[in-house]
Every structure is written in structure tokens, then in C-alpha cells.
Amino acid sequence: MKKMRGFSLMELMIVLIILGLLGSLVAPKLFSKVGSSKKKAAVAQMQMFEAAIDTYRLDVGSIPANLEELRASAKRGWDGPYLPKAIPMDPWGNPYVYDVPGSNGNPYSIKSYGLDGQEGGTDENEDVIHQ
């Protein structure tokens, strides 16, 4: 009779316990990076808005009153659309806040209020502001 080869139940349990311990050590590190990657995505989208607003300003002679004017406008000199797709939501699913005039004497500012969608906060709730 041939001897059957394979793993015993005890060996499988040991491997599962080791994998569980490794997962409990690595998972918190990975999930902490999600928040910072969303902030980086928000900054990248805001830079895309800035480039579109600058092009709009060169064509029209003024900055748009709202972000929707980057997609469609009846203003003289408008040569858009300046964004390839509809205005995206921020990485947390909230609309960007576009203020004209912006703070600190800037002509405009673009903000994302973070995970909670409210002004202020820390960590993932921290505001991301591009001026």
C-alpha cells in the first residue's frame, strides 16, 4: 500500500496562525497609507483644475466664476472644454469648494474638506487647500 502524502491538520493550522499574525502586523501599515494617497490624489486633481483655469484665463481674459465654466461657457474667447470629463468629486466623494476671490489675496482657491466633508479637522478629515 502506498503511503499518502500531504499536510496534517496541525501543520495547516500552524501556517494559518503564522499568516494571521503577519497580516495583523502588515495590515495597519497598509491602511494608514490609504489616507495619504487620497490627499495626494486631491492635490493632483487640484493641479489639473489650476492648469485648466490658467488656460481659461488666457483665452477668456478672466478666471471662471465656477468650475462648471471649464466645461461649458458662452463667454467670448472660450475655446474649451478645458477639462476632458465632468468635474470630478474629491477622493472622499465630496464636491470641491471653489472660491472666487480666494484667500490671502489670491484670485481663487480650491478646497477639499477631507473625509468628513466639513471645514477643519485632522488626519483624514484635514482640509486640502490649493491656492
Protein backbone atom coordinates (compact mmCIF):
# COMPACT_ATOMS: atom_id res chain seq x y z
CA MET A 1 0.00 0.00 0.00
CA LYS A 2 1.32 3.46 -0.94
CA LYS A 3 1.85 5.99 1.79
CA MET A 4 -0.38 9.07 1.24
CA ARG A 5 1.43 12.36 1.10
CA GLY A 6 0.03 15.69 2.25
CA PHE A 7 -0.15 18.07 5.16
CA SER A 8 -1.58 17.20 8.52
CA LEU A 9 -4.28 19.31 10.11
CA MET A 10 -1.75 20.53 12.70
CA GLU A 11 0.66 21.77 10.01
CA LEU A 12 -2.14 23.64 8.22
CA MET A 13 -3.25 25.27 11.48
CA ILE A 14 0.29 26.45 12.21
CA VAL A 15 0.59 28.01 8.74
CA LEU A 16 -2.78 29.76 9.14
CA ILE A 17 -1.77 31.15 12.54
CA ILE A 18 1.52 32.48 11.13
CA LEU A 19 -0.30 34.10 8.20
CA GLY A 20 -2.82 35.67 10.59
CA LEU A 21 -0.05 37.12 12.75
CA LEU A 22 1.77 38.53 9.72
CA GLY A 23 -1.49 40.02 8.43
CA SER A 24 -2.19 41.71 11.76
CA LEU A 25 1.25 43.35 11.64
CA VAL A 26 1.18 44.44 7.98
CA ALA A 27 -2.49 45.48 7.52
CA PRO A 28 -2.40 48.59 9.79
CA LYS A 29 0.62 49.91 7.89
CA LEU A 30 -1.13 49.43 4.55
CA PHE A 31 -4.40 51.04 5.66
CA SER A 32 -2.58 54.08 7.06
CA LYS A 33 -1.30 54.77 3.54
CA VAL A 34 -4.84 55.00 2.10
CA GLY A 35 -5.47 58.40 3.72
CA SER A 36 -2.23 59.92 2.47
CA SER A 37 -2.81 58.58 -1.04
CA LYS A 38 -6.25 60.22 -1.11
CA LYS A 39 -4.69 63.54 -0.11
CA LYS A 40 -2.15 63.17 -2.92
CA ALA A 41 -4.96 62.40 -5.37
CA ALA A 42 -6.83 65.53 -4.24
CA VAL A 43 -3.70 67.66 -4.77
CA ALA A 44 -3.23 66.15 -8.25
CA GLN A 45 -6.83 66.92 -9.19
CA MET A 46 -6.47 70.47 -7.88
CA GLN A 47 -3.36 70.92 -10.03
CA MET A 48 -5.40 69.74 -13.01
CA PHE A 49 -8.02 72.39 -12.16
CA GLU A 50 -5.29 75.01 -11.88
CA ALA A 51 -3.96 74.20 -15.37
CA ALA A 52 -7.48 74.35 -16.80
CA ILE A 53 -8.21 77.65 -15.03
CA ASP A 54 -4.94 79.16 -16.32
CA THR A 55 -5.80 78.13 -19.90
CA TYR A 56 -9.33 79.52 -19.48
CA ARG A 57 -7.85 82.80 -18.19
CA LEU A 58 -5.56 83.07 -21.23
CA ASP A 59 -8.47 82.50 -23.64
CA VAL A 60 -11.24 84.49 -21.93
CA GLY A 61 -9.25 87.11 -20.03
CA SER A 62 -10.71 86.34 -16.60
CA ILE A 63 -11.00 83.41 -14.26
CA PRO A 64 -14.20 81.33 -14.29
CA ALA A 65 -16.90 82.17 -11.76
CA ASN A 66 -17.37 78.44 -11.10
CA LEU A 67 -15.73 75.18 -12.13
CA GLU A 68 -18.59 74.30 -14.49
CA GLU A 69 -17.44 77.12 -16.81
CA LEU A 70 -14.38 74.97 -17.55
CA ARG A 71 -16.73 72.51 -19.30
CA ALA A 72 -19.17 74.90 -20.99
CA SER A 73 -19.46 78.66 -21.28
CA ALA A 74 -20.89 81.29 -23.60
CA LYS A 75 -18.15 83.82 -22.81
CA ARG A 76 -16.29 85.43 -25.67
CA GLY A 77 -12.96 83.74 -26.38
CA TRP A 78 -13.95 80.47 -24.71
CA ASP A 79 -12.16 77.63 -26.50
CA GLY A 80 -12.91 74.69 -24.25
CA PRO A 81 -13.82 72.40 -22.78
CA TYR A 82 -10.78 72.79 -20.57
CA LEU A 83 -11.41 69.56 -18.67
CA PRO A 84 -11.69 66.28 -20.60
CA LYS A 85 -14.51 64.90 -18.43
CA ALA A 86 -17.12 66.14 -15.98
CA ILE A 87 -15.88 67.89 -12.86
CA PRO A 88 -14.79 65.09 -10.53
CA MET A 89 -15.67 64.75 -6.88
CA ASP A 90 -12.80 64.76 -4.41
CA PRO A 91 -11.33 61.34 -3.44
CA TRP A 92 -13.76 61.13 -0.49
CA GLY A 93 -16.82 61.63 -2.74
CA ASN A 94 -17.49 65.28 -1.83
CA PRO A 95 -17.57 68.23 -4.26
CA TYR A 96 -14.57 70.54 -4.39
CA VAL A 97 -15.09 74.04 -2.99
CA TYR A 98 -14.10 76.76 -5.48
CA ASP A 99 -13.97 80.30 -4.06
CA VAL A 100 -13.58 83.49 -6.09
CA PRO A 101 -11.80 85.50 -4.81
CA GLY A 102 -9.58 83.16 -2.87
CA SER A 103 -7.95 83.76 0.49
CA ASN A 104 -4.73 85.72 1.06
CA GLY A 105 -5.30 87.93 -2.00
CA ASN A 106 -5.30 85.04 -4.46
CA PRO A 107 -7.78 85.26 -7.35
CA TYR A 108 -9.26 81.86 -6.45
CA SER A 109 -8.84 78.90 -4.14
CA ILE A 110 -9.83 75.24 -4.46
CA LYS A 111 -10.51 73.18 -1.32
CA SER A 112 -11.43 69.68 -0.30
CA TYR A 113 -12.71 69.27 3.23
CA GLY A 114 -11.42 65.70 3.53
CA LEU A 115 -13.23 62.61 4.73
CA ASP A 116 -15.78 64.36 6.97
CA GLY A 117 -16.73 66.95 4.31
CA GLN A 118 -16.54 69.75 6.89
CA GLU A 119 -14.11 72.59 7.30
CA GLY A 120 -11.21 71.88 9.67
CA GLY A 121 -10.11 68.57 11.08
CA THR A 122 -7.05 66.41 11.44
CA ASP A 123 -5.71 63.24 9.82
CA GLU A 124 -8.12 62.13 7.04
CA ASN A 125 -10.56 64.92 8.00
CA GLU A 126 -7.89 67.57 7.35
CA ASP A 127 -8.67 70.13 4.65
CA VAL A 128 -6.64 70.09 1.43
CA ILE A 129 -6.31 73.64 0.06
CA HIS A 130 -4.76 74.74 -3.23
CA GLN A 131 -4.28 78.47 -3.80
